[in-house]
C-alpha atoms as a PDB file:
ATOM      1  CA  UNK A   1     116.957 121.371  77.758  1.00  0.00           C
ATOM      2  CA  UNK A   2     114.215 123.991  78.063  1.00  0.00           C
ATOM      3  CA  UNK A   3     116.196 126.400  75.897  1.00  0.00           C
ATOM      4  CA  UNK A   4     116.676 123.755  73.205  1.00  0.00           C
ATOM      5  CA  UNK A   5     112.980 122.960  73.316  1.00  0.00           C
ATOM      6  CA  UNK A   6     112.024 126.634  73.002  1.00  0.00           C
ATOM      7  CA  UNK A   7     114.418 127.112  70.082  1.00  0.00           C
ATOM      8  CA  UNK A   8     113.111 124.013  68.346  1.00  0.00           C
ATOM      9  CA  UNK A   9     109.496 125.106  68.817  1.00  0.00           C
ATOM     10  CA  UNK A  10     110.291 128.466  67.221  1.00  0.00           C
ATOM     11  CA  UNK A  11     112.043 126.782  64.315  1.00  0.00           C
ATOM     12  CA  UNK A  12     109.276 124.249  63.650  1.00  0.00           C
ATOM     13  CA  UNK A  13     106.627 126.968  63.888  1.00  0.00           C
ATOM     14  CA  UNK A  14     108.574 129.114  61.402  1.00  0.00           C
ATOM     15  CA  UNK A  15     108.927 126.233  58.924  1.00  0.00           C
ATOM     16  CA  UNK A  16     105.208 125.449  59.204  1.00  0.00           C
ATOM     17  CA  UNK A  17     104.224 129.076  58.702  1.00  0.00           C
ATOM     18  CA  UNK A  18     106.581 129.619  55.776  1.00  0.00           C
ATOM     19  CA  UNK A  19     105.456 126.462  53.995  1.00  0.00           C
ATOM     20  CA  UNK A  20     101.813 126.768  55.042  1.00  0.00           C
ATOM     21  CA  UNK A  21     102.015 123.101  55.967  1.00  0.00           C
ATOM     22  CA  UNK A  22     101.791 120.654  58.840  1.00  0.00           C
ATOM     23  CA  UNK A  23     102.995 117.181  59.717  1.00  0.00           C
ATOM     24  CA  UNK A  24     101.275 114.559  57.576  1.00  0.00           C
ATOM     25  CA  UNK A  25     101.643 116.497  54.327  1.00  0.00           C
ATOM     26  CA  UNK A  26     104.884 114.834  53.139  1.00  0.00           C
ATOM     27  CA  UNK A  27     107.248 117.615  54.185  1.00  0.00           C
ATOM     28  CA  UNK A  28     110.206 118.114  56.489  1.00  0.00           C
ATOM     29  CA  UNK A  29     107.662 118.660  59.254  1.00  0.00           C
ATOM     30  CA  UNK A  30     107.015 114.921  59.240  1.00  0.00           C
ATOM     31  CA  UNK A  31     110.490 114.644  60.788  1.00  0.00           C
ATOM     32  CA  UNK A  32     110.684 117.885  62.730  1.00  0.00           C
ATOM     33  CA  UNK A  33     107.404 117.524  64.648  1.00  0.00           C
ATOM     34  CA  UNK A  34     108.147 114.032  66.057  1.00  0.00           C
ATOM     35  CA  UNK A  35     111.684 115.151  66.897  1.00  0.00           C
ATOM     36  CA  UNK A  36     110.248 118.157  68.738  1.00  0.00           C
ATOM     37  CA  UNK A  37     108.031 115.841  70.777  1.00  0.00           C
ATOM     38  CA  UNK A  38     111.101 113.846  71.840  1.00  0.00           C
ATOM     39  CA  UNK A  39     113.017 117.039  72.707  1.00  0.00           C
ATOM     40  CA  UNK A  40     110.112 118.186  74.869  1.00  0.00           C
ATOM     41  CA  UNK A  41     109.976 114.831  76.647  1.00  0.00           C
ATOM     42  CA  UNK A  42     113.757 114.881  77.364  1.00  0.00           C
ATOM     43  CA  UNK A  43     114.808 111.954  79.564  1.00  0.00           C
ATOM     44  CA  UNK A  44     117.278 109.108  79.136  1.00  0.00           C
ATOM     45  CA  UNK A  45     118.620 107.891  75.797  1.00  0.00           C
ATOM     46  CA  UNK A  46     117.710 111.190  74.162  1.00  0.00           C
ATOM     47  CA  UNK A  47     120.083 110.688  71.234  1.00  0.00           C
ATOM     48  CA  UNK A  48     118.717 107.252  70.404  1.00  0.00           C
ATOM     49  CA  UNK A  49     115.129 108.435  70.686  1.00  0.00           C
ATOM     50  CA  UNK A  50     115.808 111.477  68.482  1.00  0.00           C
ATOM     51  CA  UNK A  51     117.488 109.296  65.862  1.00  0.00           C
ATOM     52  CA  UNK A  52     114.556 106.870  65.885  1.00  0.00           C
ATOM     53  CA  UNK A  53     111.932 109.633  65.694  1.00  0.00           C
ATOM     54  CA  UNK A  54     113.712 111.248  62.742  1.00  0.00           C
ATOM     55  CA  UNK A  55     114.047 107.925  60.910  1.00  0.00           C
ATOM     56  CA  UNK A  56     110.403 106.991  61.501  1.00  0.00           C
ATOM     57  CA  UNK A  57     109.222 110.428  60.397  1.00  0.00           C
ATOM     58  CA  UNK A  58     111.235 110.337  57.175  1.00  0.00           C
ATOM     59  CA  UNK A  59     110.153 106.783  56.358  1.00  0.00           C
ATOM     60  CA  UNK A  60     106.510 107.684  56.984  1.00  0.00           C
ATOM     61  CA  UNK A  61     106.599 110.080  54.021  1.00  0.00           C
ATOM     62  CA  UNK A  62     107.235 107.272  51.519  1.00  0.00           C
ATOM     63  CA  UNK A  63     103.603 106.178  51.046  1.00  0.00           C
ATOM     64  CA  UNK A  64     102.273 109.746  51.130  1.00  0.00           C
ATOM     65  CA  UNK A  65     101.267 111.870  48.132  1.00  0.00           C
ATOM     66  CA  UNK A  66     103.033 115.223  48.079  1.00  0.00           C
ATOM     67  CA  UNK A  67     100.686 118.189  48.273  1.00  0.00           C
ATOM     68  CA  UNK A  68     103.138 120.921  49.304  1.00  0.00           C
ATOM     69  CA  UNK A  69     106.355 122.337  47.936  1.00  0.00           C
ATOM     70  CA  UNK A  70     108.140 121.374  44.763  1.00  0.00           C
ATOM     71  CA  UNK A  71     107.245 117.703  45.140  1.00  0.00           C
ATOM     72  CA  UNK A  72     103.541 118.593  44.813  1.00  0.00           C
ATOM     73  CA  UNK A  73     104.101 118.916  41.051  1.00  0.00           C
ATOM     74  CA  UNK A  74     104.767 115.175  40.966  1.00  0.00           C
ATOM     75  CA  UNK A  75     101.296 114.338  42.265  1.00  0.00           C
ATOM     76  CA  UNK A  76     100.749 110.585  42.349  1.00  0.00           C
ATOM     77  CA  UNK A  77     104.313 109.983  41.154  1.00  0.00           C
ATOM     78  CA  UNK A  78     105.522 111.141  44.578  1.00  0.00           C
ATOM     79  CA  UNK A  79     103.921 108.105  46.205  1.00  0.00           C
ATOM     80  CA  UNK A  80     106.502 105.456  47.014  1.00  0.00           C
ATOM     81  CA  UNK A  81     109.375 107.915  47.377  1.00  0.00           C
ATOM     82  CA  UNK A  82     110.676 109.456  50.583  1.00  0.00           C
ATOM     83  CA  UNK A  83     110.269 113.219  50.716  1.00  0.00           C
ATOM     84  CA  UNK A  84     113.657 114.871  50.119  1.00  0.00           C
ATOM     85  CA  UNK A  85     112.992 117.559  52.727  1.00  0.00           C
ATOM     86  CA  UNK A  86     112.138 114.914  55.299  1.00  0.00           C
ATOM     87  CA  UNK A  87     115.296 112.962  54.478  1.00  0.00           C
ATOM     88  CA  UNK A  88     117.503 116.057  54.673  1.00  0.00           C
ATOM     89  CA  UNK A  89     115.888 116.966  58.005  1.00  0.00           C
ATOM     90  CA  UNK A  90     116.677 113.470  59.253  1.00  0.00           C
ATOM     91  CA  UNK A  91     120.318 113.932  58.220  1.00  0.00           C
ATOM     92  CA  UNK A  92     120.493 117.307  59.992  1.00  0.00           C
ATOM     93  CA  UNK A  93     119.055 115.836  63.194  1.00  0.00           C
ATOM     94  CA  UNK A  94     121.578 112.991  63.050  1.00  0.00           C
ATOM     95  CA  UNK A  95     124.424 115.482  62.484  1.00  0.00           C
ATOM     96  CA  UNK A  96     123.409 117.399  65.628  1.00  0.00           C
ATOM     97  CA  UNK A  97     123.259 114.334  67.856  1.00  0.00           C
ATOM     98  CA  UNK A  98     126.962 114.257  68.853  1.00  0.00           C
ATOM     99  CA  UNK A  99     126.564 117.780  70.258  1.00  0.00           C
ATOM    100  CA  UNK A 100     123.381 116.933  72.140  1.00  0.00           C
ATOM    101  CA  UNK A 101     124.825 113.703  73.498  1.00  0.00           C
ATOM    102  CA  UNK A 102     127.890 115.579  74.776  1.00  0.00           C
ATOM    103  CA  UNK A 103     125.803 117.972  76.875  1.00  0.00           C
ATOM    104  CA  UNK A 104     126.542 117.887  80.616  1.00  0.00           C
END
């Protein structure tokens, strides 16, 4: 699991650097950062906990105002809508779960 954690850290750091953003700014990082925390923690029921972290992170973007990326052009109109990058990140995490759950 250490290798997965290291890879995920590198990926999240790269996304943050490229987008000049952080969790809490209505971006895919609102999903990726909580998922990273679960990956680091490892332990039982990893798949369920990853799924829940991704869903919570995506849902948390709904009341936020977009300030980064293409959605920033919407300003106040972005409030009340889930961030598309967060939702797509949630879908990607969920698509990877069968592979993680099958690990020995």
